Amino acid sequence: MSQSVITVIGKDRVGIVYDVAKLLAANQINIVNISQQLMNDFFTMVILVDTSKCSKSPTELADLFSQESEKLALQIRIQHEDIFNAMHRI
């Protein structure tokens, strides 16, 4: 299993979870765990995903999420689990 962490931040609106889940499903990315929270008017979500069935490279995924971020008025970022853990290690 190849796992990555996706973070989503944006102004709260109806359909954010749907839009992100649809994007993941279209790219054969499976949600392993998900956490979401509303902070005032801002929606935040952290998703642990399995990318092993996705045909896109990590660079292609990052580019795709960057493009979709603009369309959806969200900030969507992906990092491999090892990089995420290394950056957040105390």
PDB file of N, CA and C in Angstrom:
ATOM      1  N   MET A   1       0.856  -1.175   0.000  1.00  0.00           N
ATOM      2  CA  MET A   1       0.000   0.000   0.000  1.00  0.00           C
ATOM      3  C   MET A   1       0.897   1.232   0.000  1.00  0.00           C
ATOM      4  N   SER A   2       0.599   2.175  -0.866  1.00  0.00           N
ATOM      5  CA  SER A   2       1.315   3.440  -0.924  1.00  0.00           C
ATOM      6  C   SER A   2       0.376   4.520  -0.382  1.00  0.00           C
ATOM      7  N   GLN A   3       0.736   5.081   0.761  1.00  0.00           N
ATOM      8  CA  GLN A   3      -0.169   6.044   1.395  1.00  0.00           C
ATOM      9  C   GLN A   3       0.360   7.467   1.277  1.00  0.00           C
ATOM     10  N   SER A   4      -0.592   8.385   1.158  1.00  0.00           N
ATOM     11  CA  SER A   4      -0.304   9.812   1.115  1.00  0.00           C
ATOM     12  C   SER A   4      -1.303  10.531   1.998  1.00  0.00           C
ATOM     13  N   VAL A   5      -0.963  11.764   2.345  1.00  0.00           N
ATOM     14  CA  VAL A   5      -1.839  12.610   3.143  1.00  0.00           C
ATOM     15  C   VAL A   5      -2.286  13.774   2.267  1.00  0.00           C
ATOM     16  N   ILE A   6      -3.585  13.983   2.220  1.00  0.00           N
ATOM     17  CA  ILE A   6      -4.157  15.098   1.465  1.00  0.00           C
ATOM     18  C   ILE A   6      -4.760  16.066   2.461  1.00  0.00           C
ATOM     19  N   THR A   7      -4.447  17.350   2.294  1.00  0.00           N
ATOM     20  CA  THR A   7      -5.059  18.381   3.130  1.00  0.00           C
ATOM     21  C   THR A   7      -5.940  19.257   2.243  1.00  0.00           C
ATOM     22  N   VAL A   8      -7.089  19.626   2.791  1.00  0.00           N
ATOM     23  CA  VAL A   8      -8.047  20.462   2.069  1.00  0.00           C
ATOM     24  C   VAL A   8      -8.452  21.602   2.988  1.00  0.00           C
ATOM     25  N   ILE A   9      -8.347  22.813   2.496  1.00  0.00           N
ATOM     26  CA  ILE A   9      -8.745  24.003   3.269  1.00  0.00           C
ATOM     27  C   ILE A   9      -9.514  24.927   2.337  1.00  0.00           C
ATOM     28  N   GLY A  10     -10.596  25.486   2.849  1.00  0.00           N
ATOM     29  CA  GLY A  10     -11.345  26.442   2.042  1.00  0.00           C
ATOM     30  C   GLY A  10     -12.504  27.036   2.801  1.00  0.00           C
ATOM     31  N   LYS A  11     -13.100  28.025   2.201  1.00  0.00           N
ATOM     32  CA  LYS A  11     -14.300  28.641   2.755  1.00  0.00           C
ATOM     33  C   LYS A  11     -15.402  27.582   2.736  1.00  0.00           C
ATOM     34  N   ASP A  12     -16.103  27.433   3.839  1.00  0.00           N
ATOM     35  CA  ASP A  12     -17.124  26.392   3.936  1.00  0.00           C
ATOM     36  C   ASP A  12     -18.236  26.615   2.918  1.00  0.00           C
ATOM     37  N   ARG A  13     -18.673  25.515   2.327  1.00  0.00           N
ATOM     38  CA  ARG A  13     -19.803  25.518   1.392  1.00  0.00           C
ATOM     39  C   ARG A  13     -20.327  24.089   1.276  1.00  0.00           C
ATOM     40  N   VAL A  14     -21.495  23.945   0.748  1.00  0.00           N
ATOM     41  CA  VAL A  14     -22.081  22.627   0.531  1.00  0.00           C
ATOM     42  C   VAL A  14     -21.314  21.914  -0.584  1.00  0.00           C
ATOM     43  N   GLY A  15     -20.973  20.639  -0.381  1.00  0.00           N
ATOM     44  CA  GLY A  15     -20.423  19.817  -1.442  1.00  0.00           C
ATOM     45  C   GLY A  15     -18.917  19.658  -1.460  1.00  0.00           C
ATOM     46  N   ILE A  16     -18.196  20.200  -0.480  1.00  0.00           N
ATOM     47  CA  ILE A  16     -16.733  20.072  -0.499  1.00  0.00           C
ATOM     48  C   ILE A  16     -16.317  18.602  -0.411  1.00  0.00           C
ATOM     49  N   VAL A  17     -16.865  17.868   0.529  1.00  0.00           N
ATOM     50  CA  VAL A  17     -16.493  16.458   0.694  1.00  0.00           C
ATOM     51  C   VAL A  17     -16.834  15.687  -0.580  1.00  0.00           C
ATOM     52  N   TYR A  18     -17.978  15.955  -1.144  1.00  0.00           N
ATOM     53  CA  TYR A  18     -18.394  15.310  -2.395  1.00  0.00           C
ATOM     54  C   TYR A  18     -17.402  15.603  -3.520  1.00  0.00           C
ATOM     55  N   ASP A  19     -17.053  16.873  -3.700  1.00  0.00           N
ATOM     56  CA  ASP A  19     -16.140  17.263  -4.780  1.00  0.00           C
ATOM     57  C   ASP A  19     -14.780  16.582  -4.639  1.00  0.00           C
ATOM     58  N   VAL A  20     -14.244  16.557  -3.424  1.00  0.00           N
ATOM     59  CA  VAL A  20     -12.937  15.944  -3.198  1.00  0.00           C
ATOM     60  C   VAL A  20     -13.018  14.428  -3.362  1.00  0.00           C
ATOM     61  N   ALA A  21     -14.053  13.804  -2.817  1.00  0.00           N
ATOM     62  CA  ALA A  21     -14.211  12.346  -2.940  1.00  0.00           C
ATOM     63  C   ALA A  21     -14.376  11.943  -4.406  1.00  0.00           C
ATOM     64  N   LYS A  22     -15.097  12.728  -5.167  1.00  0.00           N
ATOM     65  CA  LYS A  22     -15.286  12.448  -6.594  1.00  0.00           C
ATOM     66  C   LYS A  22     -13.949  12.529  -7.338  1.00  0.00           C
ATOM     67  N   LEU A  23     -13.128  13.512  -7.006  1.00  0.00           N
ATOM     68  CA  LEU A  23     -11.803  13.658  -7.603  1.00  0.00           C
ATOM     69  C   LEU A  23     -10.917  12.453  -7.273  1.00  0.00           C
ATOM     70  N   LEU A  24     -10.960  12.022  -6.018  1.00  0.00           N
ATOM     71  CA  LEU A  24     -10.165  10.867  -5.603  1.00  0.00           C
ATOM     72  C   LEU A  24     -10.643   9.595  -6.315  1.00  0.00           C
ATOM     73  N   ALA A  25     -11.931   9.363  -6.337  1.00  0.00           N
ATOM     74  CA  ALA A  25     -12.476   8.164  -6.978  1.00  0.00           C
ATOM     75  C   ALA A  25     -12.144   8.122  -8.467  1.00  0.00           C
ATOM     76  N   ALA A  26     -12.203   9.255  -9.122  1.00  0.00           N
ATOM     77  CA  ALA A  26     -11.894   9.319 -10.554  1.00  0.00           C
ATOM     78  C   ALA A  26     -10.448   8.935 -10.849  1.00  0.00           C
ATOM     79  N   ASN A  27      -9.592   9.021  -9.833  1.00  0.00           N
ATOM     80  CA  ASN A  27      -8.177   8.700 -10.005  1.00  0.00           C
ATOM     81  C   ASN A  27      -7.767   7.430  -9.259  1.00  0.00           C
ATOM     82  N   GLN A  28      -8.755   6.606  -8.906  1.00  0.00           N
ATOM     83  CA  GLN A  28      -8.513   5.322  -8.235  1.00  0.00           C
ATOM     84  C   GLN A  28      -7.730   5.482  -6.927  1.00  0.00           C
ATOM     85  N   ILE A  29      -8.046   6.545  -6.188  1.00  0.00           N
ATOM     86  CA  ILE A  29      -7.422   6.804  -4.893  1.00  0.00           C
ATOM     87  C   ILE A  29      -8.437   6.482  -3.812  1.00  0.00           C
ATOM     88  N   ASN A  30      -8.063   5.562  -2.913  1.00  0.00           N
ATOM     89  CA  ASN A  30      -8.974   5.093  -1.881  1.00  0.00           C
ATOM     90  C   ASN A  30      -8.757   5.848  -0.571  1.00  0.00           C
ATOM     91  N   ILE A  31      -9.832   6.281   0.057  1.00  0.00           N
ATOM     92  CA  ILE A  31      -9.759   6.942   1.359  1.00  0.00           C
ATOM     93  C   ILE A  31      -9.591   5.875   2.436  1.00  0.00           C
ATOM     94  N   VAL A  32      -8.512   6.017   3.225  1.00  0.00           N
ATOM     95  CA  VAL A  32      -8.221   5.096   4.316  1.00  0.00           C
ATOM     96  C   VAL A  32      -8.762   5.658   5.628  1.00  0.00           C
ATOM     97  N   ASN A  33      -8.582   6.954   5.825  1.00  0.00           N
ATOM     98  CA  ASN A  33      -9.056   7.624   7.032  1.00  0.00           C
ATOM     99  C   ASN A  33      -9.296   9.083   6.691  1.00  0.00           C
ATOM    100  N   ILE A  34     -10.249   9.690   7.364  1.00  0.00           N
ATOM    101  CA  ILE A  34     -10.598  11.071   7.056  1.00  0.00           C
ATOM    102  C   ILE A  34     -10.979  11.815   8.333  1.00  0.00           C
ATOM    103  N   SER A  35     -10.539  13.045   8.425  1.00  0.00           N
ATOM    104  CA  SER A  35     -10.892  13.908   9.547  1.00  0.00           C
ATOM    105  C   SER A  35     -11.241  15.270   8.984  1.00  0.00           C
ATOM    106  N   GLN A  36     -12.331  15.820   9.453  1.00  0.00           N
ATOM    107  CA  GLN A  36     -12.736  17.140   8.974  1.00  0.00           C
ATOM    108  C   GLN A  36     -13.208  17.978  10.141  1.00  0.00           C
ATOM    109  N   GLN A  37     -13.086  19.278   9.961  1.00  0.00           N
ATOM    110  CA  GLN A  37     -13.470  20.186  11.025  1.00  0.00           C
ATOM    111  C   GLN A  37     -13.864  21.527  10.422  1.00  0.00           C
ATOM    112  N   LEU A  38     -14.795  22.160  11.061  1.00  0.00           N
ATOM    113  CA  LEU A  38     -15.202  23.502  10.676  1.00  0.00           C
ATOM    114  C   LEU A  38     -14.614  24.476  11.689  1.00  0.00           C
ATOM    115  N   MET A  39     -13.859  25.454  11.202  1.00  0.00           N
ATOM    116  CA  MET A  39     -13.244  26.468  12.068  1.00  0.00           C
ATOM    117  C   MET A  39     -13.796  27.820  11.627  1.00  0.00           C
ATOM    118  N   ASN A  40     -14.801  28.293  12.364  1.00  0.00           N
ATOM    119  CA  ASN A  40     -15.550  29.487  11.961  1.00  0.00           C
ATOM    120  C   ASN A  40     -16.118  29.253  10.572  1.00  0.00           C
ATOM    121  N   ASP A  41     -15.720  30.034   9.570  1.00  0.00           N
ATOM    122  CA  ASP A  41     -16.247  29.853   8.218  1.00  0.00           C
ATOM    123  C   ASP A  41     -15.330  29.014   7.333  1.00  0.00           C
ATOM    124  N   PHE A  42     -14.299  28.422   7.917  1.00  0.00           N
ATOM    125  CA  PHE A  42     -13.340  27.656   7.132  1.00  0.00           C
ATOM    126  C   PHE A  42     -13.502  26.157   7.362  1.00  0.00           C
ATOM    127  N   PHE A  43     -13.480  25.427   6.267  1.00  0.00           N
ATOM    128  CA  PHE A  43     -13.571  23.977   6.283  1.00  0.00           C
ATOM    129  C   PHE A  43     -12.154  23.425   6.159  1.00  0.00           C
ATOM    130  N   THR A  44     -11.792  22.486   7.035  1.00  0.00           N
ATOM    131  CA  THR A  44     -10.481  21.831   6.948  1.00  0.00           C
ATOM    132  C   THR A  44     -10.695  20.326   6.945  1.00  0.00           C
ATOM    133  N   MET A  45      -9.865  19.640   6.162  1.00  0.00           N
ATOM    134  CA  MET A  45      -9.991  18.196   6.077  1.00  0.00           C
ATOM    135  C   MET A  45      -8.599  17.611   5.855  1.00  0.00           C
ATOM    136  N   VAL A  46      -8.321  16.518   6.553  1.00  0.00           N
ATOM    137  CA  VAL A  46      -7.085  15.762   6.373  1.00  0.00           C
ATOM    138  C   VAL A  46      -7.511  14.339   6.014  1.00  0.00           C
ATOM    139  N   ILE A  47      -6.969  13.831   4.906  1.00  0.00           N
ATOM    140  CA  ILE A  47      -7.368  12.519   4.408  1.00  0.00           C
ATOM    141  C   ILE A  47      -6.123  11.659   4.217  1.00  0.00           C
ATOM    142  N   LEU A  48      -6.132  10.476   4.807  1.00  0.00           N
ATOM    143  CA  LEU A  48      -5.090   9.487   4.545  1.00  0.00           C
ATOM    144  C   LEU A  48      -5.609   8.620   3.409  1.00  0.00           C
ATOM    145  N   VAL A  49      -4.831   8.519   2.329  1.00  0.00           N
ATOM    146  CA  VAL A  49      -5.300   7.803   1.149  1.00  0.00           C
ATOM    147  C   VAL A  49      -4.305   6.738   0.713  1.00  0.00           C
ATOM    148  N   ASP A  50      -4.827   5.748   0.002  1.00  0.00           N
ATOM    149  CA  ASP A  50      -4.023   4.713  -0.628  1.00  0.00           C
ATOM    150  C   ASP A  50      -3.969   5.034  -2.120  1.00  0.00           C
ATOM    151  N   THR A  51      -2.766   5.312  -2.632  1.00  0.00           N
ATOM    152  CA  THR A  51      -2.602   5.687  -4.038  1.00  0.00           C
ATOM    153  C   THR A  51      -2.046   4.551  -4.892  1.00  0.00           C
ATOM    154  N   SER A  52      -1.985   3.344  -4.340  1.00  0.00           N
ATOM    155  CA  SER A  52      -1.340   2.237  -5.054  1.00  0.00           C
ATOM    156  C   SER A  52      -2.027   1.871  -6.375  1.00  0.00           C
ATOM    157  N   LYS A  53      -3.313   2.148  -6.528  1.00  0.00           N
ATOM    158  CA  LYS A  53      -4.014   1.827  -7.782  1.00  0.00           C
ATOM    159  C   LYS A  53      -4.097   3.010  -8.739  1.00  0.00           C
ATOM    160  N   CYS A  54      -3.574   4.144  -8.324  1.00  0.00           N
ATOM    161  CA  CYS A  54      -3.599   5.344  -9.157  1.00  0.00           C
ATOM    162  C   CYS A  54      -2.485   5.256 -10.200  1.00  0.00           C
ATOM    163  N   SER A  55      -2.809   5.562 -11.442  1.00  0.00           N
ATOM    164  CA  SER A  55      -1.821   5.474 -12.524  1.00  0.00           C
ATOM    165  C   SER A  55      -0.960   6.733 -12.650  1.00  0.00           C
ATOM    166  N   LYS A  56      -1.308   7.791 -11.943  1.00  0.00           N
ATOM    167  CA  LYS A  56      -0.558   9.045 -12.040  1.00  0.00           C
ATOM    168  C   LYS A  56       0.639   9.045 -11.081  1.00  0.00           C
ATOM    169  N   SER A  57       1.697   9.737 -11.489  1.00  0.00           N
ATOM    170  CA  SER A  57       2.879   9.890 -10.639  1.00  0.00           C
ATOM    171  C   SER A  57       2.567  10.908  -9.543  1.00  0.00           C
ATOM    172  N   PRO A  58       3.369  10.962  -8.485  1.00  0.00           N
ATOM    173  CA  PRO A  58       3.152  11.970  -7.448  1.00  0.00           C
ATOM    174  C   PRO A  58       3.158  13.403  -8.003  1.00  0.00           C
ATOM    175  N   THR A  59       4.026  13.676  -8.958  1.00  0.00           N
ATOM    176  CA  THR A  59       4.081  15.009  -9.567  1.00  0.00           C
ATOM    177  C   THR A  59       2.804  15.304 -10.351  1.00  0.00           C
ATOM    178  N   GLU A  60       2.322  14.318 -11.096  1.00  0.00           N
ATOM    179  CA  GLU A  60       1.082  14.500 -11.853  1.00  0.00           C
ATOM    180  C   GLU A  60      -0.095  14.731 -10.912  1.00  0.00           C
ATOM    181  N   LEU A  61      -0.130  14.007  -9.792  1.00  0.00           N
ATOM    182  CA  LEU A  61      -1.206  14.204  -8.808  1.00  0.00           C
ATOM    183  C   LEU A  61      -1.145  15.598  -8.208  1.00  0.00           C
ATOM    184  N   ALA A  62       0.049  16.040  -7.854  1.00  0.00           N
ATOM    185  CA  ALA A  62       0.198  17.390  -7.279  1.00  0.00           C
ATOM    186  C   ALA A  62      -0.286  18.440  -8.276  1.00  0.00           C
ATOM    187  N   ASP A  63       0.063  18.271  -9.546  1.00  0.00           N
ATOM    188  CA  ASP A  63      -0.388  19.211 -10.583  1.00  0.00           C
ATOM    189  C   ASP A  63      -1.907  19.166 -10.742  1.00  0.00           C
ATOM    190  N   LEU A  64      -2.466  17.965 -10.750  1.00  0.00           N
ATOM    191  CA  LEU A  64      -3.915  17.803 -10.873  1.00  0.00           C
ATOM    192  C   LEU A  64      -4.631  18.495  -9.715  1.00  0.00           C
ATOM    193  N   PHE A  65      -4.157  18.256  -8.495  1.00  0.00           N
ATOM    194  CA  PHE A  65      -4.802  18.861  -7.329  1.00  0.00           C
ATOM    195  C   PHE A  65      -4.657  20.376  -7.344  1.00  0.00           C
ATOM    196  N   SER A  66      -3.558  20.869  -7.854  1.00  0.00           N
ATOM    197  CA  SER A  66      -3.368  22.314  -7.978  1.00  0.00           C
ATOM    198  C   SER A  66      -4.395  22.906  -8.945  1.00  0.00           C
ATOM    199  N   GLN A  67      -4.589  22.245 -10.084  1.00  0.00           N
ATOM    200  CA  GLN A  67      -5.583  22.703 -11.063  1.00  0.00           C
ATOM    201  C   GLN A  67      -7.000  22.646 -10.481  1.00  0.00           C
ATOM    202  N   GLU A  68      -7.320  21.538  -9.826  1.00  0.00           N
ATOM    203  CA  GLU A  68      -8.658  21.372  -9.248  1.00  0.00           C
ATOM    204  C   GLU A  68      -8.890  22.343  -8.101  1.00  0.00           C
ATOM    205  N   SER A  69      -7.834  22.683  -7.375  1.00  0.00           N
ATOM    206  CA  SER A  69      -7.943  23.650  -6.276  1.00  0.00           C
ATOM    207  C   SER A  69      -8.520  24.963  -6.782  1.00  0.00           C
ATOM    208  N   GLU A  70      -8.010  25.409  -7.928  1.00  0.00           N
ATOM    209  CA  GLU A  70      -8.496  26.665  -8.501  1.00  0.00           C
ATOM    210  C   GLU A  70      -9.965  26.556  -8.904  1.00  0.00           C
ATOM    211  N   LYS A  71     -10.317  25.454  -9.557  1.00  0.00           N
ATOM    212  CA  LYS A  71     -11.704  25.260 -10.003  1.00  0.00           C
ATOM    213  C   LYS A  71     -12.678  25.201  -8.831  1.00  0.00           C
ATOM    214  N   LEU A  72     -12.247  24.553  -7.742  1.00  0.00           N
ATOM    215  CA  LEU A  72     -13.136  24.328  -6.600  1.00  0.00           C
ATOM    216  C   LEU A  72     -13.020  25.393  -5.518  1.00  0.00           C
ATOM    217  N   ALA A  73     -12.147  26.379  -5.714  1.00  0.00           N
ATOM    218  CA  ALA A  73     -11.910  27.432  -4.718  1.00  0.00           C
ATOM    219  C   ALA A  73     -11.495  26.835  -3.370  1.00  0.00           C
ATOM    220  N   LEU A  74     -10.584  25.857  -3.441  1.00  0.00           N
ATOM    221  CA  LEU A  74     -10.052  25.192  -2.258  1.00  0.00           C
ATOM    222  C   LEU A  74      -8.532  25.141  -2.370  1.00  0.00           C
ATOM    223  N   GLN A  75      -7.911  24.815  -1.275  1.00  0.00           N
ATOM    224  CA  GLN A  75      -6.483  24.524  -1.277  1.00  0.00           C
ATOM    225  C   GLN A  75      -6.366  23.013  -1.036  1.00  0.00           C
ATOM    226  N   ILE A  76      -5.928  22.261  -2.045  1.00  0.00           N
ATOM    227  CA  ILE A  76      -5.807  20.807  -1.934  1.00  0.00           C
ATOM    228  C   ILE A  76      -4.348  20.448  -2.166  1.00  0.00           C
ATOM    229  N   ARG A  77      -3.733  19.824  -1.171  1.00  0.00           N
ATOM    230  CA  ARG A  77      -2.322  19.444  -1.282  1.00  0.00           C
ATOM    231  C   ARG A  77      -2.167  17.974  -0.937  1.00  0.00           C
ATOM    232  N   ILE A  78      -1.199  17.331  -1.597  1.00  0.00           N
ATOM    233  CA  ILE A  78      -0.911  15.929  -1.331  1.00  0.00           C
ATOM    234  C   ILE A  78       0.568  15.773  -1.012  1.00  0.00           C
ATOM    235  N   GLN A  79       0.849  14.929  -0.018  1.00  0.00           N
ATOM    236  CA  GLN A  79       2.225  14.604   0.355  1.00  0.00           C
ATOM    237  C   GLN A  79       2.287  13.108   0.640  1.00  0.00           C
ATOM    238  N   HIS A  80       3.383  12.484   0.234  1.00  0.00           N
ATOM    239  CA  HIS A  80       3.573  11.083   0.586  1.00  0.00           C
ATOM    240  C   HIS A  80       3.613  10.988   2.110  1.00  0.00           C
ATOM    241  N   GLU A  81       3.095   9.911   2.658  1.00  0.00           N
ATOM    242  CA  GLU A  81       3.000   9.745   4.109  1.00  0.00           C
ATOM    243  C   GLU A  81       4.360   9.910   4.801  1.00  0.00           C
ATOM    244  N   ASP A  82       5.430   9.379   4.213  1.00  0.00           N
ATOM    245  CA  ASP A  82       6.757   9.481   4.829  1.00  0.00           C
ATOM    246  C   ASP A  82       7.219  10.931   4.929  1.00  0.00           C
ATOM    247  N   ILE A  83       6.960  11.720   3.897  1.00  0.00           N
ATOM    248  CA  ILE A  83       7.342  13.138   3.914  1.00  0.00           C
ATOM    249  C   ILE A  83       6.504  13.884   4.940  1.00  0.00           C
ATOM    250  N   PHE A  84       5.207  13.606   4.966  1.00  0.00           N
ATOM    251  CA  PHE A  84       4.319  14.249   5.939  1.00  0.00           C
ATOM    252  C   PHE A  84       4.785  13.950   7.364  1.00  0.00           C
ATOM    253  N   ASN A  85       5.085  12.686   7.637  1.00  0.00           N
ATOM    254  CA  ASN A  85       5.546  12.303   8.979  1.00  0.00           C
ATOM    255  C   ASN A  85       6.864  12.970   9.336  1.00  0.00           C
ATOM    256  N   ALA A  86       7.788  13.023   8.394  1.00  0.00           N
ATOM    257  CA  ALA A  86       9.087  13.654   8.654  1.00  0.00           C
ATOM    258  C   ALA A  86       8.926  15.146   8.945  1.00  0.00           C
ATOM    259  N   MET A  87       8.031  15.798   8.252  1.00  0.00           N
ATOM    260  CA  MET A  87       7.831  17.241   8.460  1.00  0.00           C
ATOM    261  C   MET A  87       7.143  17.542   9.783  1.00  0.00           C
ATOM    262  N   HIS A  88       6.388  16.595  10.310  1.00  0.00           N
ATOM    263  CA  HIS A  88       5.605  16.835  11.522  1.00  0.00           C
ATOM    264  C   HIS A  88       6.143  16.072  12.729  1.00  0.00           C
ATOM    265  N   ARG A  89       7.353  15.578  12.617  1.00  0.00           N
ATOM    266  CA  ARG A  89       7.974  14.872  13.733  1.00  0.00           C
ATOM    267  C   ARG A  89       8.511  15.889  14.718  1.00  0.00           C
ATOM    268  N   ILE A  90       8.317  15.622  15.995  1.00  0.00           N
ATOM    269  CA  ILE A  90       8.787  16.551  17.040  1.00  0.00           C
ATOM    270  C   ILE A  90      10.188  16.169  17.450  1.00  0.00           C
TER     271      ILE A  90
END
